[in-house]
Amino acid sequence: MEEVSRPKEKTMEEVKGFVRRVLLFKFKAETAPDHVKQLIKDYSNLVNLVESLKTWHMGKDASIENLHEGFTHIFELTFEDAEGAAAYVVHPAHLEFHERIKPHLEKTSIIDYKPTSFHT
């Protein structure tokens, strides 16, 4: 009888080190578009000021499903590790920026995660 091998099970493996932060923003209607652009530009500069912040990406909602719950902007930040993410939260440049943007946000949502890869 011929032996049949079973396909390998998929396994999940947490990627060592990196931590990602995803932020969803809805700016207040009264915040002028030019001011939103300046705030985003200032936000992007944190990657030059906070050593543990390795990458910064952003985009605007482009969903065709209309499931954005009012959020208009998404940001993804990558940190070298959990300690780097913690250092970012208390970094003076981040705290100063947070105080400037906070009055212009109607709502936010933030999730930190460790990327996981799938293997077969």
Protein backbone atom coordinates (compact mmCIF):
# COMPACT_ATOMS: atom_id res chain seq x y z
CA MET A 1 0.00 0.00 0.00
CA GLU A 2 1.32 3.43 -0.94
CA GLU A 3 1.93 5.84 1.94
CA VAL A 4 0.25 9.20 1.62
CA SER A 5 1.82 12.11 3.44
CA ARG A 6 -0.38 14.68 5.09
CA PRO A 7 0.24 18.31 4.30
CA LYS A 8 2.12 20.15 7.00
CA GLU A 9 -0.02 22.11 9.39
CA LYS A 10 0.19 25.84 9.23
CA THR A 11 1.88 27.29 12.25
CA MET A 12 1.93 30.80 13.60
CA GLU A 13 5.14 32.38 14.80
CA GLU A 14 5.42 35.73 16.46
CA VAL A 15 8.02 37.81 14.70
CA LYS A 16 10.75 38.55 17.20
CA GLY A 17 11.30 42.12 18.19
CA PHE A 18 9.14 44.45 16.18
CA VAL A 19 5.96 46.02 17.53
CA ARG A 20 3.50 47.78 15.27
CA ARG A 21 1.01 50.45 16.27
CA VAL A 22 -2.07 51.14 14.15
CA LEU A 23 -3.94 54.37 14.83
CA LEU A 24 -7.26 55.45 13.36
CA PHE A 25 -8.16 59.14 13.50
CA LYS A 26 -11.27 61.15 12.79
CA PHE A 27 -10.47 64.84 12.74
CA LYS A 28 -13.05 67.31 13.98
CA ALA A 29 -15.08 68.95 11.20
CA GLU A 30 -13.99 72.42 12.31
CA THR A 31 -10.28 71.61 11.83
CA ALA A 32 -9.26 73.23 8.55
CA PRO A 33 -7.87 70.85 5.89
CA ASP A 34 -4.61 72.83 5.74
CA HIS A 35 -4.21 72.43 9.50
CA VAL A 36 -4.85 68.68 9.21
CA LYS A 37 -2.09 68.51 6.57
CA GLN A 38 0.32 70.38 8.86
CA LEU A 39 -0.49 68.13 11.82
CA ILE A 40 0.16 65.05 9.69
CA LYS A 41 3.45 66.52 8.46
CA ASP A 42 4.47 67.22 12.05
CA TYR A 43 3.42 63.70 13.06
CA SER A 44 5.56 62.18 10.31
CA ASN A 45 8.58 64.07 11.66
CA LEU A 46 8.49 62.04 14.89
CA VAL A 47 10.34 59.28 13.03
CA ASN A 48 13.30 61.69 12.95
CA LEU A 49 13.01 62.58 16.63
CA VAL A 50 12.27 59.28 18.40
CA GLU A 51 15.05 56.73 17.96
CA SER A 52 12.90 53.65 18.68
CA LEU A 53 10.36 54.66 15.99
CA LYS A 54 11.64 52.88 12.89
CA THR A 55 8.90 53.49 10.30
CA TRP A 56 5.86 55.73 9.91
CA HIS A 57 3.17 55.26 7.26
CA MET A 58 -0.22 56.86 6.74
CA GLY A 59 -3.18 56.78 4.44
CA LYS A 60 -6.72 58.01 4.09
CA ASP A 61 -9.81 55.83 4.08
CA ALA A 62 -10.38 54.32 0.64
CA SER A 63 -12.84 51.59 1.60
CA ILE A 64 -15.67 50.76 -0.77
CA GLU A 65 -17.51 48.93 2.03
CA ASN A 66 -18.17 52.02 4.13
CA LEU A 67 -17.15 50.23 7.36
CA HIS A 68 -14.76 52.95 8.55
CA GLU A 69 -17.08 54.09 11.38
CA GLY A 70 -16.17 57.69 10.63
CA PHE A 71 -12.41 57.26 10.81
CA THR A 72 -10.70 59.09 7.97
CA HIS A 73 -6.96 58.57 8.48
CA ILE A 74 -4.85 55.54 9.37
CA PHE A 75 -1.28 55.51 10.63
CA GLU A 76 1.07 52.57 11.10
CA LEU A 77 4.20 52.94 13.20
CA THR A 78 6.90 50.30 13.67
CA PHE A 79 9.09 50.09 16.76
CA GLU A 80 12.20 48.02 17.33
CA ASP A 81 10.56 46.21 20.27
CA ALA A 82 8.02 46.58 23.09
CA GLU A 83 10.48 48.66 25.09
CA GLY A 84 10.84 51.01 22.11
CA ALA A 85 7.06 51.43 21.90
CA ALA A 86 6.96 52.21 25.62
CA ALA A 87 9.79 54.75 25.21
CA TYR A 88 7.86 56.43 22.38
CA VAL A 89 4.76 56.90 24.53
CA VAL A 90 6.68 58.98 27.09
CA HIS A 91 9.12 60.67 24.69
CA PRO A 92 8.95 64.50 25.00
CA ALA A 93 8.50 64.95 21.23
CA HIS A 94 5.55 62.55 21.20
CA LEU A 95 3.98 64.13 24.29
CA GLU A 96 4.29 67.61 22.79
CA PHE A 97 2.73 66.46 19.51
CA HIS A 98 -0.05 64.64 21.35
CA GLU A 99 -1.03 67.85 23.15
CA ARG A 100 -1.17 69.72 19.81
CA ILE A 101 -3.24 67.15 17.92
CA LYS A 102 -5.60 66.05 20.69
CA PRO A 103 -7.93 69.10 20.44
CA HIS A 104 -8.42 68.39 16.72
CA LEU A 105 -9.48 64.74 17.04
CA GLU A 106 -13.10 63.72 17.33
CA LYS A 107 -12.16 60.10 17.97
CA THR A 108 -9.22 57.73 17.84
CA SER A 109 -8.52 54.04 18.07
CA ILE A 110 -5.09 52.54 18.74
CA ILE A 111 -3.89 48.95 18.59
CA ASP A 112 -0.36 47.73 19.24
CA TYR A 113 0.55 44.26 18.00
CA LYS A 114 3.49 41.98 17.40
CA PRO A 115 3.48 40.82 13.78
CA THR A 116 2.84 37.12 13.33
CA SER A 117 3.90 35.11 10.32
CA PHE A 118 2.27 31.92 9.07
CA HIS A 119 4.31 28.95 7.97
CA THR A 120 3.28 25.80 6.21
